[in-house]
ModelCIF file with pLDDT and N, C-alpha, C, O atoms, coordinates in Angstrom:
data_MODEL
#
_entry.id   MODEL 
#
_entity.id                         1 
_entity.type                       polymer 
_entity.pdbx_number_of_molecules   1 
#
_entity_poly.entity_id                      1 
_entity_poly.type                           'polypeptide(L)' 
_entity_poly.nstd_linkage                   no 
_entity_poly.nstd_monomer                   no 
_entity_poly.pdbx_seq_one_letter_code       VWGSSVSSWDAVATEPIAAPPFTRNFFTHDHAQERDPLRGRYFADCD 
_entity_poly.pdbx_seq_one_letter_code_can   VWGSSVSSWDAVATEPIAAPPFTRNFFTHDHAQERDPLRGRYFADCD 
_entity_poly.pdbx_strand_id                 A 
#
loop_
_entity_poly_seq.entity_id 
_entity_poly_seq.num 
_entity_poly_seq.mon_id 
_entity_poly_seq.hetero 
1 1  VAL n 
1 2  TRP n 
1 3  GLY n 
1 4  SER n 
1 5  SER n 
1 6  VAL n 
1 7  SER n 
1 8  SER n 
1 9  TRP n 
1 10 ASP n 
1 11 ALA n 
1 12 VAL n 
1 13 ALA n 
1 14 THR n 
1 15 GLU n 
1 16 PRO n 
1 17 ILE n 
1 18 ALA n 
1 19 ALA n 
1 20 PRO n 
1 21 PRO n 
1 22 PHE n 
1 23 THR n 
1 24 ARG n 
1 25 ASN n 
1 26 PHE n 
1 27 PHE n 
1 28 THR n 
1 29 HIS n 
1 30 ASP n 
1 31 HIS n 
1 32 ALA n 
1 33 GLN n 
1 34 GLU n 
1 35 ARG n 
1 36 ASP n 
1 37 PRO n 
1 38 LEU n 
1 39 ARG n 
1 40 GLY n 
1 41 ARG n 
1 42 TYR n 
1 43 PHE n 
1 44 ALA n 
1 45 ASP n 
1 46 CYS n 
1 47 ASP n 
#
_struct_asym.id          A 
_struct_asym.entity_id   1 
#
loop_
_ma_qa_metric.id 
_ma_qa_metric.mode 
_ma_qa_metric.name 
_ma_qa_metric.software_group_id 
_ma_qa_metric.type 
1 global pLDDT . pLDDT 
2 local  pLDDT . pLDDT 
#
_ma_qa_metric_global.metric_id      1 
_ma_qa_metric_global.metric_value   85.13 
_ma_qa_metric_global.model_id       1 
_ma_qa_metric_global.ordinal_id     1 
#
loop_
_ma_qa_metric_local.label_asym_id 
_ma_qa_metric_local.label_comp_id 
_ma_qa_metric_local.label_seq_id 
_ma_qa_metric_local.metric_id 
_ma_qa_metric_local.metric_value 
_ma_qa_metric_local.model_id 
_ma_qa_metric_local.ordinal_id 
A VAL 1  2 95.00 1 1  
A TRP 2  2 95.00 1 2  
A GLY 3  2 93.00 1 3  
A SER 4  2 93.00 1 4  
A SER 5  2 93.00 1 5  
A VAL 6  2 94.00 1 6  
A SER 7  2 95.00 1 7  
A SER 8  2 96.00 1 8  
A TRP 9  2 96.00 1 9  
A ASP 10 2 95.00 1 10 
A ALA 11 2 94.00 1 11 
A VAL 12 2 95.00 1 12 
A ALA 13 2 94.00 1 13 
A THR 14 2 93.00 1 14 
A GLU 15 2 91.00 1 15 
A PRO 16 2 88.00 1 16 
A ILE 17 2 88.00 1 17 
A ALA 18 2 79.00 1 18 
A ALA 19 2 79.00 1 19 
A PRO 20 2 84.00 1 20 
A PRO 21 2 89.00 1 21 
A PHE 22 2 90.00 1 22 
A THR 23 2 88.00 1 23 
A ARG 24 2 88.00 1 24 
A ASN 25 2 78.00 1 25 
A PHE 26 2 72.00 1 26 
A PHE 27 2 67.00 1 27 
A THR 28 2 67.00 1 28 
A HIS 29 2 59.00 1 29 
A ASP 30 2 59.00 1 30 
A HIS 31 2 53.00 1 31 
A ALA 32 2 55.00 1 32 
A GLN 33 2 55.00 1 33 
A GLU 34 2 59.00 1 34 
A ARG 35 2 73.00 1 35 
A ASP 36 2 86.00 1 36 
A PRO 37 2 89.00 1 37 
A LEU 38 2 92.00 1 38 
A ARG 39 2 92.00 1 39 
A GLY 40 2 92.00 1 40 
A ARG 41 2 95.00 1 41 
A TYR 42 2 95.00 1 42 
A PHE 43 2 94.00 1 43 
A ALA 44 2 95.00 1 44 
A ASP 45 2 97.00 1 45 
A CYS 46 2 96.00 1 46 
A ASP 47 2 96.00 1 47 
#
loop_
_atom_site.group_PDB 
_atom_site.id 
_atom_site.type_symbol 
_atom_site.label_atom_id 
_atom_site.label_alt_id 
_atom_site.label_comp_id 
_atom_site.label_asym_id 
_atom_site.label_entity_id 
_atom_site.label_seq_id 
_atom_site.pdbx_PDB_ins_code 
_atom_site.Cartn_x 
_atom_site.Cartn_y 
_atom_site.Cartn_z 
_atom_site.occupancy 
_atom_site.B_iso_or_equiv 
_atom_site.pdbx_formal_charge 
_atom_site.auth_seq_id 
_atom_site.auth_comp_id 
_atom_site.auth_asym_id 
_atom_site.auth_atom_id 
_atom_site.pdbx_PDB_model_num 
ATOM 1   N N  . VAL A 1 1  ? -4.049  -5.504  2.660   1.00 95.00 ? 1  VAL A N  1 
ATOM 2   C CA . VAL A 1 1  ? -2.845  -4.672  2.650   1.00 95.00 ? 1  VAL A CA 1 
ATOM 3   C C  . VAL A 1 1  ? -3.122  -3.308  2.046   1.00 95.00 ? 1  VAL A C  1 
ATOM 4   O O  . VAL A 1 1  ? -2.662  -2.291  2.565   1.00 95.00 ? 1  VAL A O  1 
ATOM 5   N N  . TRP A 1 2  ? -3.863  -3.281  0.963   1.00 95.00 ? 2  TRP A N  1 
ATOM 6   C CA . TRP A 1 2  ? -4.062  -2.042  0.207   1.00 95.00 ? 2  TRP A CA 1 
ATOM 7   C C  . TRP A 1 2  ? -5.263  -1.224  0.688   1.00 95.00 ? 2  TRP A C  1 
ATOM 8   O O  . TRP A 1 2  ? -5.518  -0.139  0.164   1.00 95.00 ? 2  TRP A O  1 
ATOM 9   N N  . GLY A 1 3  ? -6.000  -1.726  1.674   1.00 93.00 ? 3  GLY A N  1 
ATOM 10  C CA . GLY A 1 3  ? -7.137  -0.985  2.192   1.00 93.00 ? 3  GLY A CA 1 
ATOM 11  C C  . GLY A 1 3  ? -8.222  -0.772  1.160   1.00 93.00 ? 3  GLY A C  1 
ATOM 12  O O  . GLY A 1 3  ? -8.913  0.246   1.170   1.00 93.00 ? 3  GLY A O  1 
ATOM 13  N N  . SER A 1 4  ? -8.369  -1.743  0.266   1.00 93.00 ? 4  SER A N  1 
ATOM 14  C CA . SER A 1 4  ? -9.353  -1.621  -0.819  1.00 93.00 ? 4  SER A CA 1 
ATOM 15  C C  . SER A 1 4  ? -10.453 -2.659  -0.648  1.00 93.00 ? 4  SER A C  1 
ATOM 16  O O  . SER A 1 4  ? -10.419 -3.476  0.272   1.00 93.00 ? 4  SER A O  1 
ATOM 17  N N  . SER A 1 5  ? -11.421 -2.613  -1.545  1.00 93.00 ? 5  SER A N  1 
ATOM 18  C CA . SER A 1 5  ? -12.544 -3.560  -1.468  1.00 93.00 ? 5  SER A CA 1 
ATOM 19  C C  . SER A 1 5  ? -12.916 -4.079  -2.849  1.00 93.00 ? 5  SER A C  1 
ATOM 20  O O  . SER A 1 5  ? -14.088 -4.331  -3.128  1.00 93.00 ? 5  SER A O  1 
ATOM 21  N N  . VAL A 1 6  ? -11.920 -4.238  -3.711  1.00 94.00 ? 6  VAL A N  1 
ATOM 22  C CA . VAL A 1 6  ? -12.200 -4.736  -5.060  1.00 94.00 ? 6  VAL A CA 1 
ATOM 23  C C  . VAL A 1 6  ? -12.621 -6.198  -4.975  1.00 94.00 ? 6  VAL A C  1 
ATOM 24  O O  . VAL A 1 6  ? -12.234 -6.921  -4.057  1.00 94.00 ? 6  VAL A O  1 
ATOM 25  N N  . SER A 1 7  ? -13.419 -6.614  -5.946  1.00 95.00 ? 7  SER A N  1 
ATOM 26  C CA . SER A 1 7  ? -14.015 -7.951  -5.886  1.00 95.00 ? 7  SER A CA 1 
ATOM 27  C C  . SER A 1 7  ? -13.199 -9.022  -6.586  1.00 95.00 ? 7  SER A C  1 
ATOM 28  O O  . SER A 1 7  ? -13.391 -10.211 -6.329  1.00 95.00 ? 7  SER A O  1 
ATOM 29  N N  . SER A 1 8  ? -12.281 -8.617  -7.476  1.00 96.00 ? 8  SER A N  1 
ATOM 30  C CA . SER A 1 8  ? -11.546 -9.611  -8.249  1.00 96.00 ? 8  SER A CA 1 
ATOM 31  C C  . SER A 1 8  ? -10.282 -8.966  -8.843  1.00 96.00 ? 8  SER A C  1 
ATOM 32  O O  . SER A 1 8  ? -10.121 -7.746  -8.823  1.00 96.00 ? 8  SER A O  1 
ATOM 33  N N  . TRP A 1 9  ? -9.408  -9.806  -9.362  1.00 96.00 ? 9  TRP A N  1 
ATOM 34  C CA . TRP A 1 9  ? -8.212  -9.275  -10.036 1.00 96.00 ? 9  TRP A CA 1 
ATOM 35  C C  . TRP A 1 9  ? -8.589  -8.540  -11.320 1.00 96.00 ? 9  TRP A C  1 
ATOM 36  O O  . TRP A 1 9  ? -7.895  -7.612  -11.735 1.00 96.00 ? 9  TRP A O  1 
ATOM 37  N N  . ASP A 1 10 ? -9.676  -8.950  -11.940 1.00 95.00 ? 10 ASP A N  1 
ATOM 38  C CA . ASP A 1 10 ? -10.142 -8.204  -13.113 1.00 95.00 ? 10 ASP A CA 1 
ATOM 39  C C  . ASP A 1 10 ? -10.516 -6.777  -12.727 1.00 95.00 ? 10 ASP A C  1 
ATOM 40  O O  . ASP A 1 10 ? -10.322 -5.841  -13.502 1.00 95.00 ? 10 ASP A O  1 
ATOM 41  N N  . ALA A 1 11 ? -11.051 -6.625  -11.528 1.00 94.00 ? 11 ALA A N  1 
ATOM 42  C CA . ALA A 1 11 ? -11.402 -5.290  -11.060 1.00 94.00 ? 11 ALA A CA 1 
ATOM 43  C C  . ALA A 1 11 ? -10.150 -4.453  -10.790 1.00 94.00 ? 11 ALA A C  1 
ATOM 44  O O  . ALA A 1 11 ? -10.134 -3.250  -11.050 1.00 94.00 ? 11 ALA A O  1 
ATOM 45  N N  . VAL A 1 12 ? -9.109  -5.090  -10.274 1.00 95.00 ? 12 VAL A N  1 
ATOM 46  C CA . VAL A 1 12 ? -7.835  -4.374  -10.071 1.00 95.00 ? 12 VAL A CA 1 
ATOM 47  C C  . VAL A 1 12 ? -7.303  -3.871  -11.412 1.00 95.00 ? 12 VAL A C  1 
ATOM 48  O O  . VAL A 1 12 ? -6.698  -2.802  -11.490 1.00 95.00 ? 12 VAL A O  1 
ATOM 49  N N  . ALA A 1 13 ? -7.534  -4.649  -12.454 1.00 94.00 ? 13 ALA A N  1 
ATOM 50  C CA . ALA A 1 13 ? -7.031  -4.284  -13.778 1.00 94.00 ? 13 ALA A CA 1 
ATOM 51  C C  . ALA A 1 13 ? -7.827  -3.176  -14.440 1.00 94.00 ? 13 ALA A C  1 
ATOM 52  O O  . ALA A 1 13 ? -7.343  -2.532  -15.371 1.00 94.00 ? 13 ALA A O  1 
ATOM 53  N N  . THR A 1 14 ? -9.054  -2.946  -13.963 1.00 93.00 ? 14 THR A N  1 
ATOM 54  C CA . THR A 1 14 ? -9.925  -2.014  -14.695 1.00 93.00 ? 14 THR A CA 1 
ATOM 55  C C  . THR A 1 14 ? -10.475 -0.870  -13.857 1.00 93.00 ? 14 THR A C  1 
ATOM 56  O O  . THR A 1 14 ? -10.769 0.196   -14.398 1.00 93.00 ? 14 THR A O  1 
ATOM 57  N N  . GLU A 1 15 ? -10.621 -1.063  -12.552 1.00 91.00 ? 15 GLU A N  1 
ATOM 58  C CA . GLU A 1 15 ? -11.249 -0.047  -11.719 1.00 91.00 ? 15 GLU A CA 1 
ATOM 59  C C  . GLU A 1 15 ? -10.199 0.803   -11.005 1.00 91.00 ? 15 GLU A C  1 
ATOM 60  O O  . GLU A 1 15 ? -9.126  0.304   -10.666 1.00 91.00 ? 15 GLU A O  1 
ATOM 61  N N  . PRO A 1 16 ? -10.501 2.076   -10.774 1.00 88.00 ? 16 PRO A N  1 
ATOM 62  C CA . PRO A 1 16 ? -9.567  2.907   -9.999  1.00 88.00 ? 16 PRO A CA 1 
ATOM 63  C C  . PRO A 1 16 ? -9.401  2.349   -8.582  1.00 88.00 ? 16 PRO A C  1 
ATOM 64  O O  . PRO A 1 16 ? -10.378 2.045   -7.898  1.00 88.00 ? 16 PRO A O  1 
ATOM 65  N N  . ILE A 1 17 ? -8.151  2.226   -8.167  1.00 88.00 ? 17 ILE A N  1 
ATOM 66  C CA . ILE A 1 17 ? -7.870  1.743   -6.821  1.00 88.00 ? 17 ILE A CA 1 
ATOM 67  C C  . ILE A 1 17 ? -7.913  2.930   -5.855  1.00 88.00 ? 17 ILE A C  1 
ATOM 68  O O  . ILE A 1 17 ? -7.525  4.045   -6.203  1.00 88.00 ? 17 ILE A O  1 
ATOM 69  N N  . ALA A 1 18 ? -8.386  2.671   -4.650  1.00 79.00 ? 18 ALA A N  1 
ATOM 70  C CA . ALA A 1 18 ? -8.525  3.737   -3.660  1.00 79.00 ? 18 ALA A CA 1 
ATOM 71  C C  . ALA A 1 18 ? -7.187  4.410   -3.396  1.00 79.00 ? 18 ALA A C  1 
ATOM 72  O O  . ALA A 1 18 ? -6.134  3.898   -3.776  1.00 79.00 ? 18 ALA A O  1 
ATOM 73  N N  . ALA A 1 19 ? -7.242  5.554   -2.744  1.00 79.00 ? 19 ALA A N  1 
ATOM 74  C CA . ALA A 1 19 ? -6.026  6.310   -2.414  1.00 79.00 ? 19 ALA A CA 1 
ATOM 75  C C  . ALA A 1 19 ? -5.039  5.410   -1.681  1.00 79.00 ? 19 ALA A C  1 
ATOM 76  O O  . ALA A 1 19 ? -5.460  4.514   -0.949  1.00 79.00 ? 19 ALA A O  1 
ATOM 77  N N  . PRO A 1 20 ? -3.754  5.620   -1.855  1.00 84.00 ? 20 PRO A N  1 
ATOM 78  C CA . PRO A 1 20 ? -2.749  4.771   -1.204  1.00 84.00 ? 20 PRO A CA 1 
ATOM 79  C C  . PRO A 1 20 ? -2.982  4.689   0.301   1.00 84.00 ? 20 PRO A C  1 
ATOM 80  O O  . PRO A 1 20 ? -3.225  5.711   0.943   1.00 84.00 ? 20 PRO A O  1 
ATOM 81  N N  . PRO A 1 21 ? -2.911  3.490   0.871   1.00 89.00 ? 21 PRO A N  1 
ATOM 82  C CA . PRO A 1 21 ? -3.186  3.342   2.305   1.00 89.00 ? 21 PRO A CA 1 
ATOM 83  C C  . PRO A 1 21 ? -2.071  3.895   3.186   1.00 89.00 ? 21 PRO A C  1 
ATOM 84  O O  . PRO A 1 21 ? -2.299  4.204   4.356   1.00 89.00 ? 21 PRO A O  1 
ATOM 85  N N  . PHE A 1 22 ? -0.866  4.023   2.629   1.00 90.00 ? 22 PHE A N  1 
ATOM 86  C CA . PHE A 1 22 ? 0.277   4.493   3.401   1.00 90.00 ? 22 PHE A CA 1 
ATOM 87  C C  . PHE A 1 22 ? 1.103   5.464   2.552   1.00 90.00 ? 22 PHE A C  1 
ATOM 88  O O  . PHE A 1 22 ? 1.049   5.436   1.322   1.00 90.00 ? 22 PHE A O  1 
ATOM 89  N N  . THR A 1 23 ? 1.854   6.308   3.222   1.00 88.00 ? 23 THR A N  1 
ATOM 90  C CA . THR A 1 23 ? 2.837   7.156   2.542   1.00 88.00 ? 23 THR A CA 1 
ATOM 91  C C  . THR A 1 23 ? 4.137   7.081   3.322   1.00 88.00 ? 23 THR A C  1 
ATOM 92  O O  . THR A 1 23 ? 4.149   6.757   4.510   1.00 88.00 ? 23 THR A O  1 
ATOM 93  N N  . ARG A 1 24 ? 5.229   7.384   2.639   1.00 88.00 ? 24 ARG A N  1 
ATOM 94  C CA . ARG A 1 24 ? 6.524   7.436   3.324   1.00 88.00 ? 24 ARG A CA 1 
ATOM 95  C C  . ARG A 1 24 ? 7.221   8.738   2.930   1.00 88.00 ? 24 ARG A C  1 
ATOM 96  O O  . ARG A 1 24 ? 7.064   9.241   1.818   1.00 88.00 ? 24 ARG A O  1 
ATOM 97  N N  . ASN A 1 25 ? 7.973   9.251   3.851   1.00 78.00 ? 25 ASN A N  1 
ATOM 98  C CA . ASN A 1 25 ? 8.605   10.546  3.676   1.00 78.00 ? 25 ASN A CA 1 
ATOM 99  C C  . ASN A 1 25 ? 10.027  10.378  3.185   1.00 78.00 ? 25 ASN A C  1 
ATOM 100 O O  . ASN A 1 25 ? 10.800  9.598   3.741   1.00 78.00 ? 25 ASN A O  1 
ATOM 101 N N  . PHE A 1 26 ? 10.369  11.116  2.137   1.00 72.00 ? 26 PHE A N  1 
ATOM 102 C CA . PHE A 1 26 ? 11.701  11.040  1.545   1.00 72.00 ? 26 PHE A CA 1 
ATOM 103 C C  . PHE A 1 26 ? 12.776  11.521  2.513   1.00 72.00 ? 26 PHE A C  1 
ATOM 104 O O  . PHE A 1 26 ? 13.907  11.038  2.461   1.00 72.00 ? 26 PHE A O  1 
ATOM 105 N N  . PHE A 1 27 ? 12.450  12.450  3.381   1.00 67.00 ? 27 PHE A N  1 
ATOM 106 C CA . PHE A 1 27 ? 13.457  13.123  4.196   1.00 67.00 ? 27 PHE A CA 1 
ATOM 107 C C  . PHE A 1 27 ? 13.734  12.436  5.526   1.00 67.00 ? 27 PHE A C  1 
ATOM 108 O O  . PHE A 1 27 ? 14.731  12.747  6.177   1.00 67.00 ? 27 PHE A O  1 
ATOM 109 N N  . THR A 1 28 ? 12.881  11.515  5.943   1.00 67.00 ? 28 THR A N  1 
ATOM 110 C CA . THR A 1 28 ? 13.082  10.851  7.224   1.00 67.00 ? 28 THR A CA 1 
ATOM 111 C C  . THR A 1 28 ? 12.919  9.350   7.057   1.00 67.00 ? 28 THR A C  1 
ATOM 112 O O  . THR A 1 28 ? 12.145  8.884   6.221   1.00 67.00 ? 28 THR A O  1 
ATOM 113 N N  . HIS A 1 29 ? 13.656  8.602   7.861   1.00 59.00 ? 29 HIS A N  1 
ATOM 114 C CA . HIS A 1 29 ? 13.471  7.147   7.875   1.00 59.00 ? 29 HIS A CA 1 
ATOM 115 C C  . HIS A 1 29 ? 12.233  6.830   8.700   1.00 59.00 ? 29 HIS A C  1 
ATOM 116 O O  . HIS A 1 29 ? 12.136  7.231   9.860   1.00 59.00 ? 29 HIS A O  1 
ATOM 117 N N  . ASP A 1 30 ? 11.297  6.121   8.112   1.00 59.00 ? 30 ASP A N  1 
ATOM 118 C CA . ASP A 1 30 ? 10.001  5.867   8.749   1.00 59.00 ? 30 ASP A CA 1 
ATOM 119 C C  . ASP A 1 30 ? 10.029  4.505   9.442   1.00 59.00 ? 30 ASP A C  1 
ATOM 120 O O  . ASP A 1 30 ? 9.868   3.469   8.797   1.00 59.00 ? 30 ASP A O  1 
ATOM 121 N N  . HIS A 1 31 ? 10.234  4.516   10.752  1.00 53.00 ? 31 HIS A N  1 
ATOM 122 C CA . HIS A 1 31 ? 10.313  3.247   11.477  1.00 53.00 ? 31 HIS A CA 1 
ATOM 123 C C  . HIS A 1 31 ? 8.964   2.556   11.569  1.00 53.00 ? 31 HIS A C  1 
ATOM 124 O O  . HIS A 1 31 ? 8.896   1.380   11.925  1.00 53.00 ? 31 HIS A O  1 
ATOM 125 N N  . ALA A 1 32 ? 7.883   3.274   11.252  1.00 55.00 ? 32 ALA A N  1 
ATOM 126 C CA . ALA A 1 32 ? 6.565   2.623   11.275  1.00 55.00 ? 32 ALA A CA 1 
ATOM 127 C C  . ALA A 1 32 ? 6.498   1.483   10.265  1.00 55.00 ? 32 ALA A C  1 
ATOM 128 O O  . ALA A 1 32 ? 5.723   0.541   10.431  1.00 55.00 ? 32 ALA A O  1 
ATOM 129 N N  . GLN A 1 33 ? 7.322   1.575   9.211   1.00 55.00 ? 33 GLN A N  1 
ATOM 130 C CA . GLN A 1 33 ? 7.315   0.511   8.213   1.00 55.00 ? 33 GLN A CA 1 
ATOM 131 C C  . GLN A 1 33 ? 7.770   -0.809  8.825   1.00 55.00 ? 33 GLN A C  1 
ATOM 132 O O  . GLN A 1 33 ? 7.255   -1.872  8.477   1.00 55.00 ? 33 GLN A O  1 
ATOM 133 N N  . GLU A 1 34 ? 8.736   -0.737  9.737   1.00 59.00 ? 34 GLU A N  1 
ATOM 134 C CA . GLU A 1 34 ? 9.191   -1.965  10.383  1.00 59.00 ? 34 GLU A CA 1 
ATOM 135 C C  . GLU A 1 34 ? 8.174   -2.479  11.392  1.00 59.00 ? 34 GLU A C  1 
ATOM 136 O O  . GLU A 1 34 ? 8.037   -3.688  11.582  1.00 59.00 ? 34 GLU A O  1 
ATOM 137 N N  . ARG A 1 35 ? 7.460   -1.561  12.037  1.00 73.00 ? 35 ARG A N  1 
ATOM 138 C CA . ARG A 1 35 ? 6.513   -1.961  13.077  1.00 73.00 ? 35 ARG A CA 1 
ATOM 139 C C  . ARG A 1 35 ? 5.207   -2.506  12.506  1.00 73.00 ? 35 ARG A C  1 
ATOM 140 O O  . ARG A 1 35 ? 4.552   -3.324  13.153  1.00 73.00 ? 35 ARG A O  1 
ATOM 141 N N  . ASP A 1 36 ? 4.822   -2.080  11.333  1.00 86.00 ? 36 ASP A N  1 
ATOM 142 C CA . ASP A 1 36 ? 3.528   -2.449  10.757  1.00 86.00 ? 36 ASP A CA 1 
ATOM 143 C C  . ASP A 1 36 ? 3.760   -3.360  9.553   1.00 86.00 ? 36 ASP A C  1 
ATOM 144 O O  . ASP A 1 36 ? 4.218   -2.890  8.512   1.00 86.00 ? 36 ASP A O  1 
ATOM 145 N N  . PRO A 1 37 ? 3.449   -4.665  9.675   1.00 89.00 ? 37 PRO A N  1 
ATOM 146 C CA . PRO A 1 37 ? 3.710   -5.579  8.560   1.00 89.00 ? 37 PRO A CA 1 
ATOM 147 C C  . PRO A 1 37 ? 2.915   -5.235  7.302   1.00 89.00 ? 37 PRO A C  1 
ATOM 148 O O  . PRO A 1 37 ? 3.403   -5.448  6.192   1.00 89.00 ? 37 PRO A O  1 
ATOM 149 N N  . LEU A 1 38 ? 1.689   -4.704  7.458   1.00 92.00 ? 38 LEU A N  1 
ATOM 150 C CA . LEU A 1 38 ? 0.907   -4.339  6.277   1.00 92.00 ? 38 LEU A CA 1 
ATOM 151 C C  . LEU A 1 38 ? 1.598   -3.189  5.534   1.00 92.00 ? 38 LEU A C  1 
ATOM 152 O O  . LEU A 1 38 ? 1.689   -3.193  4.307   1.00 92.00 ? 38 LEU A O  1 
ATOM 153 N N  . ARG A 1 39 ? 2.069   -2.234  6.282   1.00 92.00 ? 39 ARG A N  1 
ATOM 154 C CA . ARG A 1 39 ? 2.778   -1.098  5.686   1.00 92.00 ? 39 ARG A CA 1 
ATOM 155 C C  . ARG A 1 39 ? 4.037   -1.573  4.959   1.00 92.00 ? 39 ARG A C  1 
ATOM 156 O O  . ARG A 1 39 ? 4.315   -1.159  3.833   1.00 92.00 ? 39 ARG A O  1 
ATOM 157 N N  . GLY A 1 40 ? 4.782   -2.440  5.620   1.00 92.00 ? 40 GLY A N  1 
ATOM 158 C CA . GLY A 1 40 ? 5.993   -2.963  4.995   1.00 92.00 ? 40 GLY A CA 1 
ATOM 159 C C  . GLY A 1 40 ? 5.697   -3.722  3.720   1.00 92.00 ? 40 GLY A C  1 
ATOM 160 O O  . GLY A 1 40 ? 6.436   -3.616  2.741   1.00 92.00 ? 40 GLY A O  1 
ATOM 161 N N  . ARG A 1 41 ? 4.607   -4.495  3.727   1.00 95.00 ? 41 ARG A N  1 
ATOM 162 C CA . ARG A 1 41 ? 4.268   -5.278  2.532   1.00 95.00 ? 41 ARG A CA 1 
ATOM 163 C C  . ARG A 1 41 ? 3.820   -4.364  1.395   1.00 95.00 ? 41 ARG A C  1 
ATOM 164 O O  . ARG A 1 41 ? 4.137   -4.606  0.230   1.00 95.00 ? 41 ARG A O  1 
ATOM 165 N N  . TYR A 1 42 ? 3.080   -3.309  1.744   1.00 95.00 ? 42 TYR A N  1 
ATOM 166 C CA . TYR A 1 42 ? 2.637   -2.367  0.713   1.00 95.00 ? 42 TYR A CA 1 
ATOM 167 C C  . TYR A 1 42 ? 3.843   -1.720  0.022   1.00 95.00 ? 42 TYR A C  1 
ATOM 168 O O  . TYR A 1 42 ? 3.889   -1.663  -1.207  1.00 95.00 ? 42 TYR A O  1 
ATOM 169 N N  . PHE A 1 43 ? 4.805   -1.239  0.785   1.00 94.00 ? 43 PHE A N  1 
ATOM 170 C CA . PHE A 1 43 ? 5.950   -0.582  0.161   1.00 94.00 ? 43 PHE A CA 1 
ATOM 171 C C  . PHE A 1 43 ? 6.851   -1.574  -0.562  1.00 94.00 ? 43 PHE A C  1 
ATOM 172 O O  . PHE A 1 43 ? 7.543   -1.202  -1.510  1.00 94.00 ? 43 PHE A O  1 
ATOM 173 N N  . ALA A 1 44 ? 6.851   -2.838  -0.125  1.00 95.00 ? 44 ALA A N  1 
ATOM 174 C CA . ALA A 1 44 ? 7.580   -3.867  -0.873  1.00 95.00 ? 44 ALA A CA 1 
ATOM 175 C C  . ALA A 1 44 ? 6.948   -4.060  -2.254  1.00 95.00 ? 44 ALA A C  1 
ATOM 176 O O  . ALA A 1 44 ? 7.653   -4.264  -3.242  1.00 95.00 ? 44 ALA A O  1 
ATOM 177 N N  . ASP A 1 45 ? 5.614   -3.994  -2.317  1.00 97.00 ? 45 ASP A N  1 
ATOM 178 C CA . ASP A 1 45 ? 4.939   -4.048  -3.620  1.00 97.00 ? 45 ASP A CA 1 
ATOM 179 C C  . ASP A 1 45 ? 5.386   -2.885  -4.506  1.00 97.00 ? 45 ASP A C  1 
ATOM 180 O O  . ASP A 1 45 ? 5.716   -3.068  -5.678  1.00 97.00 ? 45 ASP A O  1 
ATOM 181 N N  . CYS A 1 46 ? 5.390   -1.689  -3.921  1.00 96.00 ? 46 CYS A N  1 
ATOM 182 C CA . CYS A 1 46 ? 5.771   -0.499  -4.685  1.00 96.00 ? 46 CYS A CA 1 
ATOM 183 C C  . CYS A 1 46 ? 7.194   -0.610  -5.203  1.00 96.00 ? 46 CYS A C  1 
ATOM 184 O O  . CYS A 1 46 ? 7.468   -0.266  -6.353  1.00 96.00 ? 46 CYS A O  1 
ATOM 185 N N  . ASP A 1 47 ? 8.102   -1.088  -4.361  1.00 96.00 ? 47 ASP A N  1 
ATOM 186 C CA . ASP A 1 47 ? 9.509   -1.189  -4.765  1.00 96.00 ? 47 ASP A CA 1 
ATOM 187 C C  . ASP A 1 47 ? 9.693   -2.262  -5.838  1.00 96.00 ? 47 ASP A C  1 
ATOM 188 O O  . ASP A 1 47 ? 10.812  -2.488  -6.300  1.00 96.00 ? 47 ASP A O  1 
#
């Protein structure tokens, strides 16, 4: 989902995570979120 390659949860806790795999625009409703389950799951994590 996150487009990363970390080896463990300990690595998530300590290593810099790669740039966000997705972005969403404040000014427009992004229907790609509904079409792409990975994108939807990523933003659900953020929320």
